[in-house]
PDB file of N, CA and C in Angstrom:
ATOM      1  N   MET A   1       0.646  -1.203  -0.207  1.00  0.00           N
ATOM      2  CA  MET A   1       0.197  -0.143  -0.026  1.00  0.00           C
ATOM      3  C   MET A   1       0.845   1.209  -0.186  1.00  0.00           C
ATOM      4  N   ILE A   2       0.552   2.043  -0.579  1.00  0.00           N
ATOM      5  CA  ILE A   2       1.030   3.550  -0.868  1.00  0.00           C
ATOM      6  C   ILE A   2       0.713   4.448  -0.590  1.00  0.00           C
ATOM      7  N   TYR A   3       1.158   5.370   0.860  1.00  0.00           N
ATOM      8  CA  TYR A   3       0.365   6.449   1.323  1.00  0.00           C
ATOM      9  C   TYR A   3       1.108   7.958   1.487  1.00  0.00           C
ATOM     10  N   ARG A   4       0.935   8.920   1.630  1.00  0.00           N
ATOM     11  CA  ARG A   4       1.634  10.006   1.686  1.00  0.00           C
ATOM     12  C   ARG A   4       2.213  10.268   3.330  1.00  0.00           C
ATOM     13  N   LYS A   5       3.014  10.892   3.335  1.00  0.00           N
ATOM     14  CA  LYS A   5       3.373  11.210   4.956  1.00  0.00           C
ATOM     15  C   LYS A   5       2.329  12.129   5.303  1.00  0.00           C
ATOM     16  N   ASP A   6       1.517  12.911   5.176  1.00  0.00           N
ATOM     17  CA  ASP A   6       0.722  13.242   5.981  1.00  0.00           C
ATOM     18  C   ASP A   6      -0.730  12.709   5.801  1.00  0.00           C
ATOM     19  N   ILE A   7      -0.718  11.691   5.945  1.00  0.00           N
ATOM     20  CA  ILE A   7      -1.678  11.084   6.164  1.00  0.00           C
ATOM     21  C   ILE A   7      -2.728  10.940   7.230  1.00  0.00           C
ATOM     22  N   SER A   8      -3.931  11.124   7.352  1.00  0.00           N
ATOM     23  CA  SER A   8      -4.871  11.651   8.259  1.00  0.00           C
ATOM     24  C   SER A   8      -5.193  10.407   9.122  1.00  0.00           C
ATOM     25  N   GLN A   9      -5.632  10.590  10.589  1.00  0.00           N
ATOM     26  CA  GLN A   9      -5.949   9.446  11.587  1.00  0.00           C
ATOM     27  C   GLN A   9      -6.676   8.523  10.747  1.00  0.00           C
ATOM     28  N   ASN A  10      -7.694   9.433   9.967  1.00  0.00           N
ATOM     29  CA  ASN A  10      -8.943   8.296   9.484  1.00  0.00           C
ATOM     30  C   ASN A  10      -8.044   7.325   8.291  1.00  0.00           C
ATOM     31  N   GLY A  11      -7.407   7.932   7.828  1.00  0.00           N
ATOM     32  CA  GLY A  11      -6.350   7.159   7.041  1.00  0.00           C
ATOM     33  C   GLY A  11      -5.534   6.026   7.538  1.00  0.00           C
ATOM     34  N   ILE A  12      -5.072   6.370   8.716  1.00  0.00           N
ATOM     35  CA  ILE A  12      -4.564   5.457   9.572  1.00  0.00           C
ATOM     36  C   ILE A  12      -5.162   4.506  10.068  1.00  0.00           C
ATOM     37  N   GLU A  13      -6.207   4.558  10.333  1.00  0.00           N
ATOM     38  CA  GLU A  13      -7.264   3.359  10.838  1.00  0.00           C
ATOM     39  C   GLU A  13      -7.667   2.549   9.639  1.00  0.00           C
ATOM     40  N   ARG A  14      -7.697   2.946   8.408  1.00  0.00           N
ATOM     41  CA  ARG A  14      -8.142   2.550   7.351  1.00  0.00           C
ATOM     42  C   ARG A  14      -7.150   1.192   6.921  1.00  0.00           C
ATOM     43  N   MET A  15      -5.678   1.987   7.188  1.00  0.00           N
ATOM     44  CA  MET A  15      -4.663   1.191   6.721  1.00  0.00           C
ATOM     45  C   MET A  15      -4.379  -0.031   7.850  1.00  0.00           C
ATOM     46  N   LYS A  16      -4.997   0.277   8.946  1.00  0.00           N
ATOM     47  CA  LYS A  16      -4.867  -0.802  10.033  1.00  0.00           C
ATOM     48  C   LYS A  16      -5.990  -1.869   9.966  1.00  0.00           C
ATOM     49  N   ILE A  17      -7.039  -1.422   9.296  1.00  0.00           N
ATOM     50  CA  ILE A  17      -7.990  -2.600   9.049  1.00  0.00           C
ATOM     51  C   ILE A  17      -7.817  -2.988   8.061  1.00  0.00           C
ATOM     52  N   LEU A  18      -7.161  -2.681   6.952  1.00  0.00           N
ATOM     53  CA  LEU A  18      -6.566  -3.554   5.506  1.00  0.00           C
ATOM     54  C   LEU A  18      -5.707  -4.527   6.360  1.00  0.00           C
ATOM     55  N   ARG A  19      -4.552  -3.984   7.296  1.00  0.00           N
ATOM     56  CA  ARG A  19      -3.469  -5.162   7.563  1.00  0.00           C
ATOM     57  C   ARG A  19      -4.302  -6.197   8.456  1.00  0.00           C
ATOM     58  N   GLN A  20      -5.314  -6.194   8.908  1.00  0.00           N
ATOM     59  CA  GLN A  20      -5.562  -6.927   9.981  1.00  0.00           C
ATOM     60  C   GLN A  20      -6.622  -7.963   9.479  1.00  0.00           C
ATOM     61  N   SER A  21      -7.124  -7.536   8.156  1.00  0.00           N
ATOM     62  CA  SER A  21      -7.910  -8.712   7.578  1.00  0.00           C
ATOM     63  C   SER A  21      -8.048  -8.591   6.114  1.00  0.00           C
ATOM     64  N   THR A  22      -8.195  -9.857   5.541  1.00  0.00           N
ATOM     65  CA  THR A  22      -8.751  -9.823   4.235  1.00  0.00           C
ATOM     66  C   THR A  22     -10.033 -10.192   4.110  1.00  0.00           C
ATOM     67  N   ASP A  23     -10.628 -10.251   5.118  1.00  0.00           N
ATOM     68  CA  ASP A  23     -12.197 -10.622   4.637  1.00  0.00           C
ATOM     69  C   ASP A  23     -12.779  -9.271   4.190  1.00  0.00           C
ATOM     70  N   GLY A  24     -13.624  -9.279   3.018  1.00  0.00           N
ATOM     71  CA  GLY A  24     -14.281  -7.990   2.595  1.00  0.00           C
ATOM     72  C   GLY A  24     -15.352  -7.663   3.798  1.00  0.00           C
ATOM     73  N   PHE A  25     -16.134  -8.539   4.075  1.00  0.00           N
ATOM     74  CA  PHE A  25     -17.346  -8.116   4.917  1.00  0.00           C
ATOM     75  C   PHE A  25     -16.864  -7.340   6.332  1.00  0.00           C
ATOM     76  N   TYR A  26     -15.485  -8.011   6.805  1.00  0.00           N
ATOM     77  CA  TYR A  26     -15.052  -7.237   7.935  1.00  0.00           C
ATOM     78  C   TYR A  26     -14.764  -5.817   7.525  1.00  0.00           C
ATOM     79  N   ILE A  27     -13.940  -5.503   6.412  1.00  0.00           N
ATOM     80  CA  ILE A  27     -13.537  -4.303   6.068  1.00  0.00           C
ATOM     81  C   ILE A  27     -14.701  -3.734   5.867  1.00  0.00           C
ATOM     82  N   ALA A  28     -15.690  -4.138   4.966  1.00  0.00           N
ATOM     83  CA  ALA A  28     -16.947  -3.014   4.617  1.00  0.00           C
ATOM     84  C   ALA A  28     -17.583  -2.563   6.025  1.00  0.00           C
ATOM     85  N   GLU A  29     -17.654  -3.731   6.894  1.00  0.00           N
ATOM     86  CA  GLU A  29     -18.446  -3.150   8.413  1.00  0.00           C
ATOM     87  C   GLU A  29     -17.619  -2.089   8.890  1.00  0.00           C
ATOM     88  N   GLU A  30     -16.465  -2.369   9.095  1.00  0.00           N
ATOM     89  CA  GLU A  30     -15.330  -1.192   9.738  1.00  0.00           C
ATOM     90  C   GLU A  30     -15.256   0.227   9.031  1.00  0.00           C
ATOM     91  N   ASP A  31     -15.396  -0.126   7.598  1.00  0.00           N
ATOM     92  CA  ASP A  31     -15.500   1.286   6.864  1.00  0.00           C
ATOM     93  C   ASP A  31     -16.951   1.860   7.245  1.00  0.00           C
ATOM     94  N   LEU A  32     -17.552   1.127   7.330  1.00  0.00           N
ATOM     95  CA  LEU A  32     -19.320   2.085   7.452  1.00  0.00           C
ATOM     96  C   LEU A  32     -19.011   2.540   9.257  1.00  0.00           C
ATOM     97  N   LYS A  33     -18.073   2.004   9.833  1.00  0.00           N
ATOM     98  CA  LYS A  33     -18.163   2.345  11.193  1.00  0.00           C
ATOM     99  C   LYS A  33     -17.454   3.866  10.979  1.00  0.00           C
ATOM    100  N   LEU A  34     -16.269   3.877   9.976  1.00  0.00           N
ATOM    101  CA  LEU A  34     -15.447   5.201  10.123  1.00  0.00           C
ATOM    102  C   LEU A  34     -16.040   6.125   9.348  1.00  0.00           C
ATOM    103  N   ARG A  35     -16.913   6.112   8.283  1.00  0.00           N
ATOM    104  CA  ARG A  35     -17.488   6.904   7.506  1.00  0.00           C
ATOM    105  C   ARG A  35     -18.871   7.374   7.570  1.00  0.00           C
ATOM    106  N   GLY A  36     -19.603   6.489   8.514  1.00  0.00           N
ATOM    107  CA  GLY A  36     -20.976   6.492   8.318  1.00  0.00           C
ATOM    108  C   GLY A  36     -21.698   6.005   7.208  1.00  0.00           C
ATOM    109  N   PRO A  37     -22.885   5.869   7.298  1.00  0.00           N
ATOM    110  CA  PRO A  37     -23.527   5.025   6.040  1.00  0.00           C
ATOM    111  C   PRO A  37     -24.105   6.442   4.992  1.00  0.00           C
ATOM    112  N   GLY A  38     -24.361   7.396   5.393  1.00  0.00           N
ATOM    113  CA  GLY A  38     -24.775   8.485   4.296  1.00  0.00           C
ATOM    114  C   GLY A  38     -26.142   8.644   4.306  1.00  0.00           C
ATOM    115  N   GLN A  39     -26.641   8.765   3.507  1.00  0.00           N
ATOM    116  CA  GLN A  39     -27.986   8.789   3.135  1.00  0.00           C
ATOM    117  C   GLN A  39     -28.830   7.979   2.404  1.00  0.00           C
ATOM    118  N   ILE A  40     -30.211   7.282   2.753  1.00  0.00           N
ATOM    119  CA  ILE A  40     -30.830   6.286   2.158  1.00  0.00           C
ATOM    120  C   ILE A  40     -31.168   6.992   0.917  1.00  0.00           C
ATOM    121  N   THR A  41     -32.168   7.901   0.711  1.00  0.00           N
ATOM    122  CA  THR A  41     -33.038   8.340  -0.376  1.00  0.00           C
ATOM    123  C   THR A  41     -32.342   9.774  -0.819  1.00  0.00           C
ATOM    124  N   GLY A  42     -30.760  10.042  -0.427  1.00  0.00           N
ATOM    125  CA  GLY A  42     -29.951  11.390  -0.955  1.00  0.00           C
ATOM    126  C   GLY A  42     -28.962  11.075  -1.850  1.00  0.00           C
ATOM    127  N   THR A  43     -27.871  11.711  -1.820  1.00  0.00           N
ATOM    128  CA  THR A  43     -26.972  11.644  -2.487  1.00  0.00           C
ATOM    129  C   THR A  43     -25.531  11.601  -1.897  1.00  0.00           C
ATOM    130  N   ALA A  44     -25.471  11.768  -0.312  1.00  0.00           N
ATOM    131  CA  ALA A  44     -24.282  11.672   0.342  1.00  0.00           C
ATOM    132  C   ALA A  44     -24.010  10.136   0.712  1.00  0.00           C
ATOM    133  N   GLN A  45     -22.953   9.816   0.358  1.00  0.00           N
ATOM    134  CA  GLN A  45     -22.319   8.560   0.632  1.00  0.00           C
ATOM    135  C   GLN A  45     -21.634   8.433   1.932  1.00  0.00           C
ATOM    136  N   SER A  46     -21.641   9.427   2.321  1.00  0.00           N
ATOM    137  CA  SER A  46     -21.135   8.899   3.942  1.00  0.00           C
ATOM    138  C   SER A  46     -21.446  10.645   4.756  1.00  0.00           C
ATOM    139  N   GLY A  47     -21.481  10.123   6.220  1.00  0.00           N
ATOM    140  CA  GLY A  47     -21.991  11.042   7.258  1.00  0.00           C
ATOM    141  C   GLY A  47     -22.886  10.485   7.837  1.00  0.00           C
ATOM    142  N   ALA A  48     -23.317  10.935   8.990  1.00  0.00           N
ATOM    143  CA  ALA A  48     -24.599  10.399   9.733  1.00  0.00           C
ATOM    144  C   ALA A  48     -25.993  10.456   9.248  1.00  0.00           C
ATOM    145  N   LEU A  49     -26.254   9.076   9.499  1.00  0.00           N
ATOM    146  CA  LEU A  49     -27.717   8.647   8.688  1.00  0.00           C
ATOM    147  C   LEU A  49     -28.781   9.054  10.093  1.00  0.00           C
ATOM    148  N   GLU A  50     -29.746   9.531   9.424  1.00  0.00           N
ATOM    149  CA  GLU A  50     -30.557  10.041  10.416  1.00  0.00           C
ATOM    150  C   GLU A  50     -31.974   9.367  10.455  1.00  0.00           C
ATOM    151  N   LEU A  51     -31.790   8.161  10.563  1.00  0.00           N
ATOM    152  CA  LEU A  51     -33.282   7.300  10.942  1.00  0.00           C
ATOM    153  C   LEU A  51     -33.893   7.651  11.975  1.00  0.00           C
ATOM    154  N   GLY A  52     -33.228   8.155  13.208  1.00  0.00           N
ATOM    155  CA  GLY A  52     -33.854   8.670  14.370  1.00  0.00           C
ATOM    156  C   GLY A  52     -34.296   7.360  15.646  1.00  0.00           C
ATOM    157  N   LEU A  53     -34.438   6.485  14.734  1.00  0.00           N
ATOM    158  CA  LEU A  53     -34.831   5.134  15.796  1.00  0.00           C
ATOM    159  C   LEU A  53     -33.406   4.280  15.627  1.00  0.00           C
ATOM    160  N   ALA A  54     -32.880   4.198  14.749  1.00  0.00           N
ATOM    161  CA  ALA A  54     -31.872   2.722  14.547  1.00  0.00           C
ATOM    162  C   ALA A  54     -30.573   3.398  14.102  1.00  0.00           C
ATOM    163  N   ASP A  55     -29.526   2.591  14.730  1.00  0.00           N
ATOM    164  CA  ASP A  55     -27.889   2.882  13.924  1.00  0.00           C
ATOM    165  C   ASP A  55     -27.530   1.749  13.418  1.00  0.00           C
ATOM    166  N   LEU A  56     -27.260   1.948  11.951  1.00  0.00           N
ATOM    167  CA  LEU A  56     -26.906   0.719  11.189  1.00  0.00           C
ATOM    168  C   LEU A  56     -25.670  -0.117  11.759  1.00  0.00           C
ATOM    169  N   SER A  57     -25.064   0.287  12.415  1.00  0.00           N
ATOM    170  CA  SER A  57     -23.704  -0.462  13.101  1.00  0.00           C
ATOM    171  C   SER A  57     -24.164  -0.927  14.372  1.00  0.00           C
ATOM    172  N   ARG A  58     -24.804  -0.035  15.407  1.00  0.00           N
ATOM    173  CA  ARG A  58     -25.237  -0.734  16.393  1.00  0.00           C
ATOM    174  C   ARG A  58     -26.022  -1.586  16.549  1.00  0.00           C
ATOM    175  N   ASP A  59     -27.138  -1.133  15.736  1.00  0.00           N
ATOM    176  CA  ASP A  59     -28.479  -2.426  15.740  1.00  0.00           C
ATOM    177  C   ASP A  59     -28.385  -3.197  14.573  1.00  0.00           C
ATOM    178  N   ARG A  60     -27.337  -3.636  13.836  1.00  0.00           N
ATOM    179  CA  ARG A  60     -27.479  -4.601  12.739  1.00  0.00           C
ATOM    180  C   ARG A  60     -28.513  -5.855  13.227  1.00  0.00           C
ATOM    181  N   ASP A  61     -28.032  -6.644  14.041  1.00  0.00           N
ATOM    182  CA  ASP A  61     -28.520  -7.998  14.380  1.00  0.00           C
ATOM    183  C   ASP A  61     -30.171  -7.656  14.577  1.00  0.00           C
ATOM    184  N   LEU A  62     -30.622  -6.388  15.477  1.00  0.00           N
ATOM    185  CA  LEU A  62     -31.703  -6.189  15.751  1.00  0.00           C
ATOM    186  C   LEU A  62     -32.441  -5.940  14.318  1.00  0.00           C
ATOM    187  N   LEU A  63     -31.609  -5.016  13.424  1.00  0.00           N
ATOM    188  CA  LEU A  63     -32.353  -4.401  12.210  1.00  0.00           C
ATOM    189  C   LEU A  63     -32.584  -6.070  11.186  1.00  0.00           C
ATOM    190  N   MET A  64     -31.612  -7.073  11.146  1.00  0.00           N
ATOM    191  CA  MET A  64     -31.984  -8.368  10.481  1.00  0.00           C
ATOM    192  C   MET A  64     -32.998  -8.886  11.023  1.00  0.00           C
ATOM    193  N   LEU A  65     -33.409  -9.177  12.136  1.00  0.00           N
ATOM    194  CA  LEU A  65     -34.427  -9.950  12.872  1.00  0.00           C
ATOM    195  C   LEU A  65     -35.324  -9.230  12.372  1.00  0.00           C
ATOM    196  N   ALA A  66     -35.477  -7.914  12.450  1.00  0.00           N
ATOM    197  CA  ALA A  66     -37.024  -7.251  12.010  1.00  0.00           C
ATOM    198  C   ALA A  66     -37.201  -7.172  10.631  1.00  0.00           C
ATOM    199  N   ARG A  67     -36.191  -7.430   9.652  1.00  0.00           N
ATOM    200  CA  ARG A  67     -36.492  -7.862   8.136  1.00  0.00           C
ATOM    201  C   ARG A  67     -36.659  -8.954   8.001  1.00  0.00           C
ATOM    202  N   LEU A  68     -36.272  -9.920   8.971  1.00  0.00           N
ATOM    203  CA  LEU A  68     -36.593 -11.232   8.706  1.00  0.00           C
ATOM    204  C   LEU A  68     -38.343 -11.479   8.833  1.00  0.00           C
ATOM    205  N   ASP A  69     -38.491 -11.042  10.324  1.00  0.00           N
ATOM    206  CA  ASP A  69     -39.823 -10.697  10.572  1.00  0.00           C
ATOM    207  C   ASP A  69     -40.833 -10.003   9.612  1.00  0.00           C
ATOM    208  N   ALA A  70     -40.425  -9.162   9.109  1.00  0.00           N
ATOM    209  CA  ALA A  70     -40.991  -8.650   8.147  1.00  0.00           C
ATOM    210  C   ALA A  70     -41.350  -9.191   6.606  1.00  0.00           C
ATOM    211  N   ARG A  71     -40.204  -9.968   6.319  1.00  0.00           N
ATOM    212  CA  ARG A  71     -40.320 -10.896   5.145  1.00  0.00           C
ATOM    213  C   ARG A  71     -41.293 -11.856   5.310  1.00  0.00           C
ATOM    214  N   ALA A  72     -41.390 -12.446   6.365  1.00  0.00           N
ATOM    215  CA  ALA A  72     -42.218 -13.687   6.844  1.00  0.00           C
ATOM    216  C   ALA A  72     -43.579 -13.371   7.197  1.00  0.00           C
ATOM    217  N   SER A  73     -43.706 -12.258   7.697  1.00  0.00           N
ATOM    218  CA  SER A  73     -45.133 -11.441   7.529  1.00  0.00           C
ATOM    219  C   SER A  73     -45.909 -11.688   6.269  1.00  0.00           C
ATOM    220  N   ILE A  74     -45.022 -10.887   4.887  1.00  0.00           N
ATOM    221  CA  ILE A  74     -45.252 -10.544   4.119  1.00  0.00           C
ATOM    222  C   ILE A  74     -45.734 -11.888   3.010  1.00  0.00           C
ATOM    223  N   GLU A  75     -44.794 -12.719   3.227  1.00  0.00           N
ATOM    224  CA  GLU A  75     -45.086 -13.867   2.801  1.00  0.00           C
ATOM    225  C   GLU A  75     -46.469 -14.849   3.356  1.00  0.00           C
ATOM    226  N   GLN A  76     -46.520 -14.963   4.347  1.00  0.00           N
ATOM    227  CA  GLN A  76     -47.753 -15.322   5.143  1.00  0.00           C
ATOM    228  C   GLN A  76     -49.027 -14.937   4.367  1.00  0.00           C
ATOM    229  N   GLU A  77     -49.038 -13.405   4.551  1.00  0.00           N
ATOM    230  CA  GLU A  77     -49.996 -12.667   4.131  1.00  0.00           C
ATOM    231  C   GLU A  77     -50.425 -13.017   2.499  1.00  0.00           C
ATOM    232  N   LEU A  78     -49.409 -13.461   1.799  1.00  0.00           N
ATOM    233  CA  LEU A  78     -49.683 -13.411   0.336  1.00  0.00           C
ATOM    234  C   LEU A  78     -49.981 -14.830  -0.281  1.00  0.00           C
ATOM    235  N   LEU A  79     -49.303 -15.636   0.854  1.00  0.00           N
ATOM    236  CA  LEU A  79     -49.598 -17.117   0.832  1.00  0.00           C
ATOM    237  C   LEU A  79     -51.191 -17.242   1.428  1.00  0.00           C
ATOM    238  N   GLY A  80     -51.725 -16.581   2.105  1.00  0.00           N
ATOM    239  CA  GLY A  80     -53.103 -16.523   2.933  1.00  0.00           C
ATOM    240  C   GLY A  80     -54.043 -15.943   2.033  1.00  0.00           C
ATOM    241  N   LYS A  81     -53.776 -15.270   0.750  1.00  0.00           N
ATOM    242  CA  LYS A  81     -54.793 -14.537  -0.421  1.00  0.00           C
ATOM    243  C   LYS A  81     -54.681 -15.530  -1.357  1.00  0.00           C
ATOM    244  N   ASP A  82     -54.269 -16.470  -1.568  1.00  0.00           N
ATOM    245  CA  ASP A  82     -54.406 -17.425  -2.756  1.00  0.00           C
ATOM    246  C   ASP A  82     -55.550 -18.286  -2.760  1.00  0.00           C
TER     247      ASP A  82
END
């Protein structure tokens, strides 16, 4: 990896993450923690996400459970209407 002498603290953290792992999912999750998720409906690709209820990094497991529950509910409703 090549970097300048005036690398930022954020850049140093990113380099550490890349040295720690070759797992793309781990690297992506750590990058998300460093830069923030940005906007869901806007154009910003970094920064704070203003959901108001959940934090994508902190509440990941809970959000995944909610997604599975929502999908199961929709599938059950669709099957019941056939």
